[in-house]
């Protein structure tokens, strides 16, 4: 199967490109780390496969709508209230 054929079939099946899907998986992993661990953002970004903390923060903000730190604060408050 050619690369382009795979990409088209993947997008038809999942609704996103392989690159978009991989980024989504990495962002979800980062969200789990932000909820569970109190690790530095640089370490979370490295563990989730981002080039550096800046790249992680840009991609996270673009896809989630808030910075990783803000997301962490918002979600840790919900956990404390629940």
PDB file of N, CA and C in Angstrom:
ATOM      1  N   UNK A   1       0.843  -1.165   0.000  1.00  0.00           N
ATOM      2  CA  UNK A   1       0.000   0.000   0.000  1.00  0.00           C
ATOM      3  C   UNK A   1       0.899   1.242   0.000  1.00  0.00           C
ATOM      4  N   UNK A   2       0.624   2.164  -0.880  1.00  0.00           N
ATOM      5  CA  UNK A   2       1.432   3.378  -0.940  1.00  0.00           C
ATOM      6  C   UNK A   2       1.100   4.295   0.244  1.00  0.00           C
ATOM      7  N   UNK A   3       2.007   5.208   0.499  1.00  0.00           N
ATOM      8  CA  UNK A   3       1.820   6.165   1.598  1.00  0.00           C
ATOM      9  C   UNK A   3       0.563   7.005   1.384  1.00  0.00           C
ATOM     10  N   UNK A   4       0.370   7.476   0.161  1.00  0.00           N
ATOM     11  CA  UNK A   4      -0.796   8.329  -0.116  1.00  0.00           C
ATOM     12  C   UNK A   4      -2.098   7.540  -0.013  1.00  0.00           C
ATOM     13  N   UNK A   5      -2.084   6.296  -0.463  1.00  0.00           N
ATOM     14  CA  UNK A   5      -3.276   5.453  -0.342  1.00  0.00           C
ATOM     15  C   UNK A   5      -3.599   5.210   1.142  1.00  0.00           C
ATOM     16  N   UNK A   6      -2.585   4.908   1.920  1.00  0.00           N
ATOM     17  CA  UNK A   6      -2.783   4.708   3.359  1.00  0.00           C
ATOM     18  C   UNK A   6      -3.371   5.966   4.002  1.00  0.00           C
ATOM     19  N   UNK A   7      -2.800   7.127   3.671  1.00  0.00           N
ATOM     20  CA  UNK A   7      -3.277   8.383   4.259  1.00  0.00           C
ATOM     21  C   UNK A   7      -4.733   8.641   3.925  1.00  0.00           C
ATOM     22  N   UNK A   8      -5.105   8.411   2.669  1.00  0.00           N
ATOM     23  CA  UNK A   8      -6.506   8.618   2.272  1.00  0.00           C
ATOM     24  C   UNK A   8      -7.429   7.633   2.992  1.00  0.00           C
ATOM     25  N   UNK A   9      -7.034   6.381   3.055  1.00  0.00           N
ATOM     26  CA  UNK A   9      -7.861   5.373   3.723  1.00  0.00           C
ATOM     27  C   UNK A   9      -7.968   5.663   5.224  1.00  0.00           C
ATOM     28  N   UNK A  10      -6.882   6.082   5.818  1.00  0.00           N
ATOM     29  CA  UNK A  10      -6.872   6.402   7.247  1.00  0.00           C
ATOM     30  C   UNK A  10      -7.818   7.569   7.522  1.00  0.00           C
ATOM     31  N   UNK A  11      -7.724   8.618   6.707  1.00  0.00           N
ATOM     32  CA  UNK A  11      -8.575   9.793   6.900  1.00  0.00           C
ATOM     33  C   UNK A  11     -10.045   9.444   6.682  1.00  0.00           C
ATOM     34  N   UNK A  12     -10.317   8.605   5.702  1.00  0.00           N
ATOM     35  CA  UNK A  12     -11.700   8.196   5.444  1.00  0.00           C
ATOM     36  C   UNK A  12     -12.253   7.413   6.633  1.00  0.00           C
ATOM     37  N   UNK A  13     -11.421   6.606   7.259  1.00  0.00           N
ATOM     38  CA  UNK A  13     -11.855   5.779   8.381  1.00  0.00           C
ATOM     39  C   UNK A  13     -11.960   6.561   9.689  1.00  0.00           C
ATOM     40  N   UNK A  14     -10.983   7.410   9.964  1.00  0.00           N
ATOM     41  CA  UNK A  14     -10.922   8.085  11.272  1.00  0.00           C
ATOM     42  C   UNK A  14     -11.411   9.525  11.249  1.00  0.00           C
ATOM     43  N   UNK A  15     -11.465  10.127  10.059  1.00  0.00           N
ATOM     44  CA  UNK A  15     -11.848  11.520   9.963  1.00  0.00           C
ATOM     45  C   UNK A  15     -10.693  12.482  10.148  1.00  0.00           C
ATOM     46  N   UNK A  16      -9.496  11.953  10.321  1.00  0.00           N
ATOM     47  CA  UNK A  16      -8.315  12.816  10.454  1.00  0.00           C
ATOM     48  C   UNK A  16      -7.117  12.138   9.813  1.00  0.00           C
ATOM     49  N   UNK A  17      -6.126  12.962   9.468  1.00  0.00           N
ATOM     50  CA  UNK A  17      -4.913  12.413   8.858  1.00  0.00           C
ATOM     51  C   UNK A  17      -4.109  11.649   9.912  1.00  0.00           C
ATOM     52  N   UNK A  18      -3.182  10.797   9.482  1.00  0.00           N
ATOM     53  CA  UNK A  18      -2.344  10.097  10.460  1.00  0.00           C
ATOM     54  C   UNK A  18      -1.584  11.067  11.372  1.00  0.00           C
ATOM     55  N   UNK A  19      -1.132  12.186  10.822  1.00  0.00           N
ATOM     56  CA  UNK A  19      -0.407  13.174  11.626  1.00  0.00           C
ATOM     57  C   UNK A  19      -1.332  13.825  12.658  1.00  0.00           C
ATOM     58  N   UNK A  20      -2.549  14.165  12.240  1.00  0.00           N
ATOM     59  CA  UNK A  20      -3.515  14.753  13.171  1.00  0.00           C
ATOM     60  C   UNK A  20      -3.866  13.764  14.278  1.00  0.00           C
ATOM     61  N   UNK A  21      -4.040  12.500  13.903  1.00  0.00           N
ATOM     62  CA  UNK A  21      -4.365  11.465  14.876  1.00  0.00           C
ATOM     63  C   UNK A  21      -3.235  11.301  15.889  1.00  0.00           C
ATOM     64  N   UNK A  22      -2.003  11.257  15.412  1.00  0.00           N
ATOM     65  CA  UNK A  22      -0.849  11.099  16.312  1.00  0.00           C
ATOM     66  C   UNK A  22      -0.745  12.292  17.262  1.00  0.00           C
ATOM     67  N   UNK A  23      -0.968  13.495  16.752  1.00  0.00           N
ATOM     68  CA  UNK A  23      -0.929  14.681  17.604  1.00  0.00           C
ATOM     69  C   UNK A  23      -2.040  14.630  18.645  1.00  0.00           C
ATOM     70  N   UNK A  24      -3.211  14.187  18.257  1.00  0.00           N
ATOM     71  CA  UNK A  24      -4.330  14.049  19.191  1.00  0.00           C
ATOM     72  C   UNK A  24      -3.992  13.067  20.309  1.00  0.00           C
ATOM     73  N   UNK A  25      -3.379  11.955  19.961  1.00  0.00           N
ATOM     74  CA  UNK A  25      -2.976  10.961  20.965  1.00  0.00           C
ATOM     75  C   UNK A  25      -1.957  11.569  21.932  1.00  0.00           C
ATOM     76  N   UNK A  26      -0.984  12.311  21.400  1.00  0.00           N
ATOM     77  CA  UNK A  26       0.038  12.932  22.255  1.00  0.00           C
ATOM     78  C   UNK A  26      -0.565  13.981  23.176  1.00  0.00           C
ATOM     79  N   UNK A  27      -1.539  14.761  22.675  1.00  0.00           N
ATOM     80  CA  UNK A  27      -2.189  15.772  23.506  1.00  0.00           C
ATOM     81  C   UNK A  27      -3.006  15.100  24.607  1.00  0.00           C
ATOM     82  N   UNK A  28      -3.723  14.031  24.286  1.00  0.00           N
ATOM     83  CA  UNK A  28      -4.495  13.313  25.322  1.00  0.00           C
ATOM     84  C   UNK A  28      -3.581  12.714  26.383  1.00  0.00           C
ATOM     85  N   UNK A  29      -2.435  12.199  25.962  1.00  0.00           N
ATOM     86  CA  UNK A  29      -1.465  11.682  26.932  1.00  0.00           C
ATOM     87  C   UNK A  29      -0.964  12.814  27.831  1.00  0.00           C
ATOM     88  N   UNK A  30      -0.706  13.962  27.239  1.00  0.00           N
ATOM     89  CA  UNK A  30      -0.258  15.123  28.017  1.00  0.00           C
ATOM     90  C   UNK A  30      -1.332  15.546  29.017  1.00  0.00           C
ATOM     91  N   UNK A  31      -2.593  15.513  28.607  1.00  0.00           N
ATOM     92  CA  UNK A  31      -3.679  15.863  29.525  1.00  0.00           C
ATOM     93  C   UNK A  31      -3.719  14.902  30.708  1.00  0.00           C
ATOM     94  N   UNK A  32      -3.515  13.634  30.445  1.00  0.00           N
ATOM     95  CA  UNK A  32      -3.483  12.662  31.547  1.00  0.00           C
ATOM     96  C   UNK A  32      -2.319  12.956  32.486  1.00  0.00           C
ATOM     97  N   UNK A  33      -1.160  13.277  31.929  1.00  0.00           N
ATOM     98  CA  UNK A  33       0.001  13.624  32.752  1.00  0.00           C
ATOM     99  C   UNK A  33      -0.262  14.895  33.551  1.00  0.00           C
ATOM    100  N   UNK A  34      -0.899  15.874  32.925  1.00  0.00           N
ATOM    101  CA  UNK A  34      -1.192  17.125  33.627  1.00  0.00           C
ATOM    102  C   UNK A  34      -2.175  16.900  34.770  1.00  0.00           C
ATOM    103  N   UNK A  35      -3.107  15.971  34.603  1.00  0.00           N
ATOM    104  CA  UNK A  35      -4.071  15.661  35.662  1.00  0.00           C
ATOM    105  C   UNK A  35      -3.424  14.880  36.801  1.00  0.00           C
ATOM    106  N   UNK A  36      -2.622  13.896  36.444  1.00  0.00           N
ATOM    107  CA  UNK A  36      -2.115  12.947  37.425  1.00  0.00           C
ATOM    108  C   UNK A  36      -0.818  13.367  38.093  1.00  0.00           C
ATOM    109  N   UNK A  37       0.060  13.960  37.335  1.00  0.00           N
ATOM    110  CA  UNK A  37       1.404  14.253  37.839  1.00  0.00           C
ATOM    111  C   UNK A  37       1.592  15.750  38.027  1.00  0.00           C
ATOM    112  N   UNK A  38       2.492  16.080  38.867  1.00  0.00           N
ATOM    113  CA  UNK A  38       2.892  17.471  38.996  1.00  0.00           C
ATOM    114  C   UNK A  38       4.316  17.599  38.479  1.00  0.00           C
ATOM    115  N   UNK A  39       4.506  17.115  37.257  1.00  0.00           N
ATOM    116  CA  UNK A  39       5.804  17.168  36.598  1.00  0.00           C
ATOM    117  C   UNK A  39       5.966  18.520  35.919  1.00  0.00           C
ATOM    118  N   UNK A  40       7.185  18.955  35.728  1.00  0.00           N
ATOM    119  CA  UNK A  40       7.410  20.184  34.958  1.00  0.00           C
ATOM    120  C   UNK A  40       6.907  20.013  33.523  1.00  0.00           C
ATOM    121  N   UNK A  41       6.437  21.099  32.926  1.00  0.00           N
ATOM    122  CA  UNK A  41       5.944  21.037  31.555  1.00  0.00           C
ATOM    123  C   UNK A  41       7.001  20.540  30.590  1.00  0.00           C
ATOM    124  N   UNK A  42       8.247  20.893  30.829  1.00  0.00           N
ATOM    125  CA  UNK A  42       9.328  20.436  29.955  1.00  0.00           C
ATOM    126  C   UNK A  42       9.413  18.910  29.955  1.00  0.00           C
ATOM    127  N   UNK A  43       9.237  18.306  31.106  1.00  0.00           N
ATOM    128  CA  UNK A  43       9.300  16.845  31.201  1.00  0.00           C
ATOM    129  C   UNK A  43       8.081  16.204  30.539  1.00  0.00           C
ATOM    130  N   UNK A  44       6.904  16.775  30.765  1.00  0.00           N
ATOM    131  CA  UNK A  44       5.693  16.247  30.129  1.00  0.00           C
ATOM    132  C   UNK A  44       5.815  16.345  28.616  1.00  0.00           C
ATOM    133  N   UNK A  45       6.310  17.483  28.132  1.00  0.00           N
ATOM    134  CA  UNK A  45       6.450  17.644  26.683  1.00  0.00           C
ATOM    135  C   UNK A  45       7.409  16.612  26.107  1.00  0.00           C
ATOM    136  N   UNK A  46       8.487  16.348  26.815  1.00  0.00           N
ATOM    137  CA  UNK A  46       9.449  15.349  26.345  1.00  0.00           C
ATOM    138  C   UNK A  46       8.833  13.954  26.365  1.00  0.00           C
ATOM    139  N   UNK A  47       8.126  13.607  27.434  1.00  0.00           N
ATOM    140  CA  UNK A  47       7.521  12.278  27.544  1.00  0.00           C
ATOM    141  C   UNK A  47       6.432  12.043  26.506  1.00  0.00           C
ATOM    142  N   UNK A  48       5.823  13.126  26.028  1.00  0.00           N
ATOM    143  CA  UNK A  48       4.747  13.003  25.047  1.00  0.00           C
ATOM    144  C   UNK A  48       5.237  13.173  23.608  1.00  0.00           C
ATOM    145  N   UNK A  49       6.544  13.319  23.427  1.00  0.00           N
ATOM    146  CA  UNK A  49       7.119  13.314  22.094  1.00  0.00           C
ATOM    147  C   UNK A  49       7.188  14.647  21.378  1.00  0.00           C
ATOM    148  N   UNK A  50       7.098  15.743  22.115  1.00  0.00           N
ATOM    149  CA  UNK A  50       7.218  17.059  21.488  1.00  0.00           C
ATOM    150  C   UNK A  50       8.681  17.475  21.438  1.00  0.00           C
ATOM    151  N   UNK A  51       9.001  18.340  20.479  1.00  0.00           N
ATOM    152  CA  UNK A  51      10.392  18.771  20.287  1.00  0.00           C
ATOM    153  C   UNK A  51      10.916  19.517  21.509  1.00  0.00           C
ATOM    154  N   UNK A  52      10.080  20.352  22.095  1.00  0.00           N
ATOM    155  CA  UNK A  52      10.460  21.105  23.284  1.00  0.00           C
ATOM    156  C   UNK A  52       9.193  21.654  23.945  1.00  0.00           C
ATOM    157  N   UNK A  53       9.353  22.311  25.073  1.00  0.00           N
ATOM    158  CA  UNK A  53       8.208  22.818  25.823  1.00  0.00           C
ATOM    159  C   UNK A  53       7.432  23.872  25.033  1.00  0.00           C
ATOM    160  N   UNK A  54       8.138  24.694  24.290  1.00  0.00           N
ATOM    161  CA  UNK A  54       7.487  25.731  23.493  1.00  0.00           C
ATOM    162  C   UNK A  54       6.578  25.122  22.427  1.00  0.00           C
ATOM    163  N   UNK A  55       7.091  24.120  21.739  1.00  0.00           N
ATOM    164  CA  UNK A  55       6.295  23.426  20.714  1.00  0.00           C
ATOM    165  C   UNK A  55       5.076  22.776  21.358  1.00  0.00           C
ATOM    166  N   UNK A  56       5.269  22.120  22.481  1.00  0.00           N
ATOM    167  CA  UNK A  56       4.175  21.493  23.217  1.00  0.00           C
ATOM    168  C   UNK A  56       3.112  22.529  23.577  1.00  0.00           C
ATOM    169  N   UNK A  57       3.529  23.642  24.156  1.00  0.00           N
ATOM    170  CA  UNK A  57       2.576  24.668  24.585  1.00  0.00           C
ATOM    171  C   UNK A  57       1.804  25.250  23.404  1.00  0.00           C
ATOM    172  N   UNK A  58       2.489  25.480  22.278  1.00  0.00           N
ATOM    173  CA  UNK A  58       1.813  26.009  21.086  1.00  0.00           C
ATOM    174  C   UNK A  58       0.774  25.030  20.556  1.00  0.00           C
ATOM    175  N   UNK A  59       1.149  23.770  20.430  1.00  0.00           N
ATOM    176  CA  UNK A  59       0.226  22.773  19.894  1.00  0.00           C
ATOM    177  C   UNK A  59      -0.943  22.523  20.854  1.00  0.00           C
ATOM    178  N   UNK A  60      -0.637  22.453  22.143  1.00  0.00           N
ATOM    179  CA  UNK A  60      -1.680  22.238  23.148  1.00  0.00           C
ATOM    180  C   UNK A  60      -2.685  23.381  23.093  1.00  0.00           C
ATOM    181  N   UNK A  61      -2.189  24.615  23.104  1.00  0.00           N
ATOM    182  CA  UNK A  61      -3.067  25.795  23.075  1.00  0.00           C
ATOM    183  C   UNK A  61      -3.904  25.832  21.800  1.00  0.00           C
ATOM    184  N   UNK A  62      -3.293  25.486  20.686  1.00  0.00           N
ATOM    185  CA  UNK A  62      -3.997  25.501  19.401  1.00  0.00           C
ATOM    186  C   UNK A  62      -5.137  24.485  19.388  1.00  0.00           C
ATOM    187  N   UNK A  63      -4.888  23.294  19.915  1.00  0.00           N
ATOM    188  CA  UNK A  63      -5.888  22.225  19.855  1.00  0.00           C
ATOM    189  C   UNK A  63      -6.893  22.252  21.006  1.00  0.00           C
ATOM    190  N   UNK A  64      -6.447  22.656  22.186  1.00  0.00           N
ATOM    191  CA  UNK A  64      -7.314  22.597  23.363  1.00  0.00           C
ATOM    192  C   UNK A  64      -7.972  23.953  23.649  1.00  0.00           C
ATOM    193  N   UNK A  65      -7.299  25.030  23.264  1.00  0.00           N
ATOM    194  CA  UNK A  65      -7.870  26.352  23.449  1.00  0.00           C
ATOM    195  C   UNK A  65      -7.348  27.116  24.652  1.00  0.00           C
ATOM    196  N   UNK A  66      -6.566  26.460  25.485  1.00  0.00           N
ATOM    197  CA  UNK A  66      -5.927  27.105  26.638  1.00  0.00           C
ATOM    198  C   UNK A  66      -4.518  26.557  26.770  1.00  0.00           C
ATOM    199  N   UNK A  67      -3.681  27.254  27.541  1.00  0.00           N
ATOM    200  CA  UNK A  67      -2.316  26.779  27.754  1.00  0.00           C
ATOM    201  C   UNK A  67      -2.336  25.527  28.629  1.00  0.00           C
ATOM    202  N   UNK A  68      -1.272  24.735  28.588  1.00  0.00           N
ATOM    203  CA  UNK A  68      -1.230  23.539  29.442  1.00  0.00           C
ATOM    204  C   UNK A  68      -1.384  23.878  30.932  1.00  0.00           C
ATOM    205  N   UNK A  69      -0.722  24.937  31.393  1.00  0.00           N
ATOM    206  CA  UNK A  69      -0.815  25.302  32.815  1.00  0.00           C
ATOM    207  C   UNK A  69      -2.242  25.692  33.180  1.00  0.00           C
ATOM    208  N   UNK A  70      -2.888  26.485  32.325  1.00  0.00           N
ATOM    209  CA  UNK A  70      -4.275  26.890  32.602  1.00  0.00           C
ATOM    210  C   UNK A  70      -5.189  25.671  32.604  1.00  0.00           C
ATOM    211  N   UNK A  71      -5.002  24.773  31.646  1.00  0.00           N
ATOM    212  CA  UNK A  71      -5.803  23.554  31.579  1.00  0.00           C
ATOM    213  C   UNK A  71      -5.614  22.736  32.856  1.00  0.00           C
ATOM    214  N   UNK A  72      -4.361  22.650  33.312  1.00  0.00           N
ATOM    215  CA  UNK A  72      -4.062  21.896  34.531  1.00  0.00           C
ATOM    216  C   UNK A  72      -4.769  22.516  35.733  1.00  0.00           C
ATOM    217  N   UNK A  73      -4.704  23.842  35.853  1.00  0.00           N
ATOM    218  CA  UNK A  73      -5.378  24.525  36.968  1.00  0.00           C
ATOM    219  C   UNK A  73      -6.882  24.308  36.916  1.00  0.00           C
ATOM    220  N   UNK A  74      -7.471  24.457  35.737  1.00  0.00           N
ATOM    221  CA  UNK A  74      -8.911  24.278  35.588  1.00  0.00           C
ATOM    222  C   UNK A  74      -9.339  22.858  35.942  1.00  0.00           C
ATOM    223  N   UNK A  75      -8.556  21.889  35.548  1.00  0.00           N
ATOM    224  CA  UNK A  75      -8.921  20.499  35.795  1.00  0.00           C
ATOM    225  C   UNK A  75      -8.587  20.035  37.200  1.00  0.00           C
ATOM    226  N   UNK A  76      -7.583  20.617  37.835  1.00  0.00           N
ATOM    227  CA  UNK A  76      -7.303  20.235  39.222  1.00  0.00           C
ATOM    228  C   UNK A  76      -8.350  20.851  40.132  1.00  0.00           C
ATOM    229  N   UNK A  77      -8.896  22.027  39.795  1.00  0.00           N
ATOM    230  CA  UNK A  77      -9.982  22.606  40.582  1.00  0.00           C
ATOM    231  C   UNK A  77     -11.231  21.749  40.512  1.00  0.00           C
ATOM    232  N   UNK A  78     -11.557  21.243  39.327  1.00  0.00           N
ATOM    233  CA  UNK A  78     -12.721  20.368  39.167  1.00  0.00           C
ATOM    234  C   UNK A  78     -12.558  19.102  39.997  1.00  0.00           C
ATOM    235  N   UNK A  79     -11.338  18.567  40.004  1.00  0.00           N
ATOM    236  CA  UNK A  79     -11.091  17.335  40.760  1.00  0.00           C
ATOM    237  C   UNK A  79     -11.254  17.589  42.254  1.00  0.00           C
ATOM    238  N   UNK A  80     -10.846  18.752  42.732  1.00  0.00           N
ATOM    239  CA  UNK A  80     -10.972  19.068  44.148  1.00  0.00           C
ATOM    240  C   UNK A  80     -12.420  19.306  44.536  1.00  0.00           C
ATOM    241  N   UNK A  81     -13.217  19.896  43.624  1.00  0.00           N
ATOM    242  CA  UNK A  81     -14.613  20.161  43.918  1.00  0.00           C
ATOM    243  C   UNK A  81     -15.477  18.907  43.853  1.00  0.00           C
ATOM    244  N   UNK A  82     -15.072  17.945  43.000  1.00  0.00           N
ATOM    245  CA  UNK A  82     -15.887  16.739  42.785  1.00  0.00           C
ATOM    246  C   UNK A  82     -15.662  15.762  43.838  1.00  0.00           C
TER     247      UNK A  82
END
